[in-house]
Amino acid sequence: MAERLKILIVEDDPANLIVSVKSLERRNVEVLAATDAYEALKIYDSADNLSAVITDIQLPGMDGTEMMRKMRQKEESTGISIPIFAMTAYAFGEEKENFKAIGFDDIFIKPVDYDKILETIQFYL
């Protein structure tokens, strides 16, 4: 049997966070949640066996892109690479490729399909 996924969701909108957490938990995913990048970085630093990170781009204080860069810097020192995915309603056409070029593994466009998210994460693992 496959190992249960453990995903960190970073979302500042309370309604969107609840939907994401509940949708993934119904699919037997262990979900860690953060409402901003600072909280997410603390979880990222302390959580064991994270399968992936999914982050909104527009976050208060530090955006999802800067947070992802800090996570990638940690990967360089630990040698442990975790797929990091952007999740936004504001990416069209070539913007999706731009997100990949700056370091995200992939991007999910809101409203998201949680079955497709899990298929994509499995592809990267």
N, C-alpha and C. Protein backbone atom coordinates (compact mmCIF):
# COMPACT_ATOMS: atom_id res chain seq x y z
N MET A 1 0.84 -1.19 0.00
CA MET A 1 0.00 0.00 0.00
C MET A 1 0.88 1.25 0.00
N ALA A 2 0.49 2.24 -0.76
CA ALA A 2 1.26 3.48 -0.87
C ALA A 2 1.24 4.24 0.45
N GLU A 3 2.34 4.94 0.71
CA GLU A 3 2.43 5.76 1.91
C GLU A 3 1.44 6.92 1.82
N ARG A 4 0.82 7.24 2.93
CA ARG A 4 -0.15 8.34 2.98
C ARG A 4 0.58 9.66 2.73
N LEU A 5 0.00 10.48 1.86
CA LEU A 5 0.59 11.77 1.56
C LEU A 5 0.43 12.73 2.73
N LYS A 6 1.44 13.59 2.91
CA LYS A 6 1.39 14.66 3.91
C LYS A 6 1.68 15.95 3.15
N ILE A 7 0.66 16.83 3.10
CA ILE A 7 0.75 18.03 2.29
C ILE A 7 0.58 19.27 3.16
N LEU A 8 1.45 20.24 2.95
CA LEU A 8 1.33 21.54 3.59
C LEU A 8 0.58 22.47 2.64
N ILE A 9 -0.57 22.98 3.11
CA ILE A 9 -1.37 23.94 2.35
C ILE A 9 -1.15 25.33 2.96
N VAL A 10 -0.83 26.31 2.11
CA VAL A 10 -0.63 27.68 2.58
C VAL A 10 -1.67 28.55 1.86
N GLU A 11 -2.61 29.07 2.64
CA GLU A 11 -3.73 29.82 2.08
C GLU A 11 -4.22 30.82 3.12
N ASP A 12 -4.27 32.10 2.76
CA ASP A 12 -4.69 33.11 3.72
C ASP A 12 -6.19 33.33 3.77
N ASP A 13 -6.93 32.89 2.78
CA ASP A 13 -8.37 33.03 2.79
C ASP A 13 -8.99 31.87 3.58
N PRO A 14 -9.67 32.16 4.70
CA PRO A 14 -10.19 31.10 5.57
C PRO A 14 -11.12 30.12 4.85
N ALA A 15 -12.00 30.62 3.99
CA ALA A 15 -12.92 29.73 3.28
C ALA A 15 -12.17 28.80 2.33
N ASN A 16 -11.22 29.35 1.58
CA ASN A 16 -10.43 28.52 0.66
C ASN A 16 -9.60 27.50 1.42
N LEU A 17 -9.07 27.89 2.58
CA LEU A 17 -8.27 26.96 3.38
C LEU A 17 -9.12 25.80 3.85
N ILE A 18 -10.31 26.08 4.35
CA ILE A 18 -11.21 25.02 4.82
C ILE A 18 -11.55 24.06 3.68
N VAL A 19 -11.88 24.61 2.52
CA VAL A 19 -12.22 23.77 1.36
C VAL A 19 -11.03 22.87 1.00
N SER A 20 -9.83 23.44 0.94
CA SER A 20 -8.65 22.65 0.58
C SER A 20 -8.37 21.55 1.59
N VAL A 21 -8.40 21.91 2.87
CA VAL A 21 -8.11 20.92 3.92
C VAL A 21 -9.13 19.80 3.88
N LYS A 22 -10.39 20.13 3.87
CA LYS A 22 -11.45 19.11 3.89
C LYS A 22 -11.42 18.25 2.63
N SER A 23 -11.19 18.87 1.48
CA SER A 23 -11.16 18.12 0.23
C SER A 23 -10.01 17.12 0.20
N LEU A 24 -8.87 17.50 0.73
CA LEU A 24 -7.73 16.59 0.76
C LEU A 24 -7.89 15.52 1.84
N GLU A 25 -8.39 15.91 3.00
CA GLU A 25 -8.60 14.92 4.07
C GLU A 25 -9.58 13.85 3.64
N ARG A 26 -10.60 14.21 2.87
CA ARG A 26 -11.55 13.21 2.35
C ARG A 26 -10.87 12.23 1.41
N ARG A 27 -9.72 12.62 0.89
CA ARG A 27 -8.96 11.75 -0.01
C ARG A 27 -7.80 11.08 0.73
N ASN A 28 -7.93 10.99 2.04
CA ASN A 28 -6.97 10.30 2.91
C ASN A 28 -5.57 10.93 2.89
N VAL A 29 -5.53 12.25 2.81
CA VAL A 29 -4.27 12.99 2.86
C VAL A 29 -4.14 13.61 4.24
N GLU A 30 -2.95 13.52 4.82
CA GLU A 30 -2.67 14.26 6.05
C GLU A 30 -2.34 15.68 5.64
N VAL A 31 -3.05 16.64 6.21
CA VAL A 31 -2.90 18.03 5.81
C VAL A 31 -2.37 18.87 6.97
N LEU A 32 -1.33 19.64 6.68
CA LEU A 32 -0.83 20.66 7.59
C LEU A 32 -1.22 21.99 6.95
N ALA A 33 -1.70 22.94 7.75
CA ALA A 33 -2.20 24.19 7.18
C ALA A 33 -1.52 25.39 7.79
N ALA A 34 -1.29 26.40 6.94
CA ALA A 34 -0.72 27.67 7.38
C ALA A 34 -1.49 28.79 6.68
N THR A 35 -1.64 29.91 7.39
CA THR A 35 -2.37 31.04 6.82
C THR A 35 -1.45 32.13 6.29
N ASP A 36 -0.14 31.97 6.48
CA ASP A 36 0.82 32.91 5.89
C ASP A 36 2.15 32.21 5.69
N ALA A 37 3.05 32.87 4.99
CA ALA A 37 4.33 32.28 4.64
C ALA A 37 5.21 32.03 5.86
N TYR A 38 5.14 32.91 6.84
CA TYR A 38 5.98 32.76 8.03
C TYR A 38 5.61 31.50 8.81
N GLU A 39 4.31 31.29 8.98
CA GLU A 39 3.83 30.08 9.65
C GLU A 39 4.20 28.85 8.82
N ALA A 40 4.07 28.96 7.50
CA ALA A 40 4.40 27.84 6.62
C ALA A 40 5.87 27.46 6.71
N LEU A 41 6.75 28.45 6.78
CA LEU A 41 8.18 28.16 6.89
C LEU A 41 8.51 27.45 8.20
N LYS A 42 7.84 27.82 9.27
CA LYS A 42 8.04 27.12 10.56
C LYS A 42 7.61 25.66 10.45
N ILE A 43 6.44 25.44 9.84
CA ILE A 43 5.96 24.06 9.66
C ILE A 43 6.91 23.29 8.76
N TYR A 44 7.32 23.91 7.66
CA TYR A 44 8.24 23.28 6.70
C TYR A 44 9.54 22.85 7.39
N ASP A 45 10.04 23.70 8.27
CA ASP A 45 11.29 23.40 8.98
C ASP A 45 11.14 22.27 10.00
N SER A 46 9.94 22.08 10.54
CA SER A 46 9.78 21.12 11.62
C SER A 46 9.06 19.83 11.23
N ALA A 47 8.35 19.82 10.13
CA ALA A 47 7.57 18.65 9.75
C ALA A 47 8.46 17.57 9.12
N ASP A 48 8.18 16.35 9.50
CA ASP A 48 8.89 15.21 8.90
C ASP A 48 8.07 14.64 7.76
N ASN A 49 8.75 14.16 6.75
CA ASN A 49 8.13 13.42 5.66
C ASN A 49 7.04 14.17 4.91
N LEU A 50 7.25 15.45 4.66
CA LEU A 50 6.30 16.19 3.83
C LEU A 50 6.35 15.63 2.41
N SER A 51 5.19 15.43 1.82
CA SER A 51 5.12 14.97 0.44
C SER A 51 5.18 16.13 -0.54
N ALA A 52 4.53 17.26 -0.16
CA ALA A 52 4.44 18.40 -1.07
C ALA A 52 3.98 19.63 -0.31
N VAL A 53 4.19 20.79 -0.94
CA VAL A 53 3.69 22.06 -0.45
C VAL A 53 2.84 22.66 -1.57
N ILE A 54 1.66 23.14 -1.20
CA ILE A 54 0.79 23.85 -2.14
C ILE A 54 0.54 25.22 -1.53
N THR A 55 0.91 26.27 -2.25
CA THR A 55 0.78 27.61 -1.71
C THR A 55 0.05 28.58 -2.62
N ASP A 56 -0.78 29.37 -2.01
CA ASP A 56 -1.35 30.51 -2.70
C ASP A 56 -0.19 31.46 -3.00
N ILE A 57 -0.31 32.27 -4.01
CA ILE A 57 0.75 33.21 -4.36
C ILE A 57 0.60 34.51 -3.58
N GLN A 58 -0.61 35.02 -3.51
CA GLN A 58 -0.85 36.29 -2.83
C GLN A 58 -1.11 36.04 -1.35
N LEU A 59 -0.06 36.19 -0.56
CA LEU A 59 -0.13 36.00 0.88
C LEU A 59 0.27 37.31 1.56
N PRO A 60 -0.22 37.54 2.78
CA PRO A 60 0.16 38.76 3.49
C PRO A 60 1.61 38.70 3.97
N GLY A 61 2.29 39.82 3.91
CA GLY A 61 3.66 39.90 4.43
C GLY A 61 4.71 39.40 3.46
N MET A 62 4.73 38.13 3.21
CA MET A 62 5.67 37.50 2.27
C MET A 62 4.84 36.68 1.29
N ASP A 63 5.03 36.92 0.00
CA ASP A 63 4.20 36.18 -0.97
C ASP A 63 4.69 34.74 -1.14
N GLY A 64 3.88 33.96 -1.82
CA GLY A 64 4.19 32.55 -2.01
C GLY A 64 5.47 32.30 -2.79
N THR A 65 5.80 33.22 -3.69
CA THR A 65 7.03 33.07 -4.47
C THR A 65 8.27 33.20 -3.59
N GLU A 66 8.29 34.20 -2.73
CA GLU A 66 9.43 34.38 -1.82
C GLU A 66 9.53 33.21 -0.83
N MET A 67 8.38 32.75 -0.36
CA MET A 67 8.36 31.60 0.55
C MET A 67 8.97 30.37 -0.14
N MET A 68 8.56 30.14 -1.39
CA MET A 68 9.10 29.01 -2.15
C MET A 68 10.61 29.12 -2.29
N ARG A 69 11.10 30.33 -2.55
CA ARG A 69 12.56 30.52 -2.69
C ARG A 69 13.28 30.16 -1.39
N LYS A 70 12.71 30.54 -0.26
CA LYS A 70 13.32 30.20 1.03
C LYS A 70 13.31 28.68 1.25
N MET A 71 12.24 28.03 0.83
CA MET A 71 12.18 26.57 0.94
C MET A 71 13.22 25.92 0.04
N ARG A 72 13.38 26.44 -1.15
CA ARG A 72 14.39 25.90 -2.08
C ARG A 72 15.81 26.10 -1.54
N GLN A 73 16.05 27.22 -0.86
CA GLN A 73 17.37 27.44 -0.25
C GLN A 73 17.64 26.38 0.82
N LYS A 74 16.64 26.03 1.60
CA LYS A 74 16.82 25.01 2.61
C LYS A 74 17.12 23.66 1.95
N GLU A 75 16.47 23.38 0.83
CA GLU A 75 16.73 22.13 0.11
C GLU A 75 18.20 22.00 -0.25
N GLU A 76 18.81 23.13 -0.62
CA GLU A 76 20.22 23.09 -1.00
C GLU A 76 21.09 22.63 0.16
N SER A 77 20.73 23.01 1.38
CA SER A 77 21.55 22.62 2.53
C SER A 77 21.20 21.23 3.06
N THR A 78 19.95 20.80 2.90
CA THR A 78 19.56 19.49 3.43
C THR A 78 19.67 18.38 2.40
N GLY A 79 19.59 18.74 1.12
CA GLY A 79 19.60 17.73 0.07
C GLY A 79 18.25 17.05 -0.10
N ILE A 80 17.25 17.49 0.63
CA ILE A 80 15.91 16.90 0.54
C ILE A 80 15.04 17.83 -0.29
N SER A 81 14.52 17.32 -1.40
CA SER A 81 13.70 18.12 -2.29
C SER A 81 12.25 17.71 -2.18
N ILE A 82 11.39 18.70 -1.98
CA ILE A 82 9.95 18.47 -1.86
C ILE A 82 9.26 19.25 -2.96
N PRO A 83 8.34 18.63 -3.71
CA PRO A 83 7.63 19.38 -4.74
C PRO A 83 6.85 20.55 -4.11
N ILE A 84 6.96 21.71 -4.74
CA ILE A 84 6.25 22.91 -4.28
C ILE A 84 5.41 23.41 -5.45
N PHE A 85 4.11 23.55 -5.18
CA PHE A 85 3.15 23.93 -6.21
C PHE A 85 2.51 25.27 -5.87
N ALA A 86 2.37 26.12 -6.88
CA ALA A 86 1.64 27.37 -6.72
C ALA A 86 0.16 27.08 -6.94
N MET A 87 -0.68 27.85 -6.25
CA MET A 87 -2.12 27.73 -6.45
C MET A 87 -2.68 29.16 -6.50
N THR A 88 -3.25 29.51 -7.64
CA THR A 88 -3.71 30.88 -7.83
C THR A 88 -4.86 30.94 -8.82
N ALA A 89 -5.60 32.00 -8.74
CA ALA A 89 -6.66 32.25 -9.72
C ALA A 89 -6.15 33.18 -10.82
N TYR A 90 -4.90 33.64 -10.69
CA TYR A 90 -4.42 34.71 -11.56
C TYR A 90 -3.26 34.32 -12.46
N ALA A 91 -3.31 33.14 -13.05
CA ALA A 91 -2.25 32.75 -13.97
C ALA A 91 -2.88 32.28 -15.28
N PHE A 92 -2.45 32.87 -16.35
CA PHE A 92 -3.01 32.53 -17.65
C PHE A 92 -1.88 32.34 -18.64
N GLY A 93 -2.08 31.42 -19.58
CA GLY A 93 -1.14 31.23 -20.68
C GLY A 93 0.29 31.05 -20.23
N GLU A 94 1.16 31.94 -20.71
CA GLU A 94 2.59 31.79 -20.45
C GLU A 94 2.95 32.06 -18.99
N GLU A 95 2.05 32.69 -18.23
CA GLU A 95 2.34 32.91 -16.81
C GLU A 95 2.58 31.59 -16.09
N LYS A 96 1.87 30.55 -16.52
CA LYS A 96 2.06 29.23 -15.91
C LYS A 96 3.51 28.77 -16.09
N GLU A 97 4.06 28.97 -17.25
CA GLU A 97 5.46 28.61 -17.50
C GLU A 97 6.41 29.49 -16.69
N ASN A 98 6.03 30.74 -16.49
CA ASN A 98 6.86 31.63 -15.68
C ASN A 98 6.96 31.12 -14.24
N PHE A 99 5.86 30.63 -13.69
CA PHE A 99 5.90 30.08 -12.34
C PHE A 99 6.86 28.89 -12.26
N LYS A 100 6.84 28.05 -13.28
CA LYS A 100 7.77 26.92 -13.31
C LYS A 100 9.21 27.40 -13.44
N ALA A 101 9.42 28.43 -14.25
CA ALA A 101 10.77 28.94 -14.47
C ALA A 101 11.37 29.52 -13.21
N ILE A 102 10.56 30.07 -12.31
CA ILE A 102 11.11 30.67 -11.09
C ILE A 102 11.28 29.65 -9.96
N GLY A 103 10.83 28.41 -10.17
CA GLY A 103 11.13 27.39 -9.17
C GLY A 103 9.98 26.52 -8.69
N PHE A 104 8.74 26.86 -9.06
CA PHE A 104 7.63 25.98 -8.68
C PHE A 104 7.66 24.75 -9.57
N ASP A 105 7.26 23.61 -9.01
CA ASP A 105 7.19 22.39 -9.82
C ASP A 105 6.04 22.45 -10.82
N ASP A 106 4.92 23.03 -10.38
CA ASP A 106 3.76 23.17 -11.25
C ASP A 106 2.83 24.19 -10.61
N ILE A 107 1.73 24.48 -11.30
CA ILE A 107 0.77 25.44 -10.79
C ILE A 107 -0.64 24.89 -10.96
N PHE A 108 -1.46 25.13 -9.96
CA PHE A 108 -2.86 24.75 -10.01
C PHE A 108 -3.69 26.04 -10.08
N ILE A 109 -4.61 26.08 -11.03
CA ILE A 109 -5.44 27.26 -11.24
C ILE A 109 -6.77 27.05 -10.50
N LYS A 110 -7.12 28.04 -9.66
CA LYS A 110 -8.38 27.99 -8.92
C LYS A 110 -9.54 28.27 -9.87
N PRO A 111 -10.68 27.63 -9.69
CA PRO A 111 -10.95 26.59 -8.70
C PRO A 111 -10.24 25.30 -9.11
N VAL A 112 -9.69 24.62 -8.13
CA VAL A 112 -8.86 23.44 -8.39
C VAL A 112 -9.66 22.15 -8.35
N ASP A 113 -9.12 21.15 -9.02
CA ASP A 113 -9.65 19.79 -9.01
C ASP A 113 -8.72 18.98 -8.11
N TYR A 114 -9.20 18.59 -6.94
CA TYR A 114 -8.34 17.94 -5.96
C TYR A 114 -7.87 16.56 -6.39
N ASP A 115 -8.65 15.86 -7.20
CA ASP A 115 -8.18 14.57 -7.72
C ASP A 115 -7.00 14.81 -8.67
N LYS A 116 -7.09 15.84 -9.48
CA LYS A 116 -6.00 16.18 -10.40
C LYS A 116 -4.76 16.63 -9.62
N ILE A 117 -4.96 17.38 -8.54
CA ILE A 117 -3.84 17.78 -7.69
C ILE A 117 -3.10 16.55 -7.18
N LEU A 118 -3.83 15.57 -6.68
CA LEU A 118 -3.19 14.37 -6.14
C LEU A 118 -2.49 13.57 -7.23
N GLU A 119 -3.07 13.51 -8.41
CA GLU A 119 -2.40 12.83 -9.53
C GLU A 119 -1.09 13.53 -9.87
N THR A 120 -1.12 14.85 -9.89
CA THR A 120 0.08 15.63 -10.22
C THR A 120 1.15 15.43 -9.15
N ILE A 121 0.77 15.48 -7.88
CA ILE A 121 1.74 15.27 -6.80
C ILE A 121 2.37 13.89 -6.93
N GLN A 122 1.56 12.86 -7.18
CA GLN A 122 2.10 11.51 -7.33
C GLN A 122 3.10 11.46 -8.48
N PHE A 123 2.86 12.19 -9.53
CA PHE A 123 3.78 12.24 -10.67
C PHE A 123 5.15 12.77 -10.25
N TYR A 124 5.18 13.75 -9.36
CA TYR A 124 6.43 14.37 -8.92
C TYR A 124 7.15 13.59 -7.83
N LEU A 125 6.47 12.64 -7.21
CA LEU A 125 7.11 11.89 -6.11
C LEU A 125 7.95 10.73 -6.59
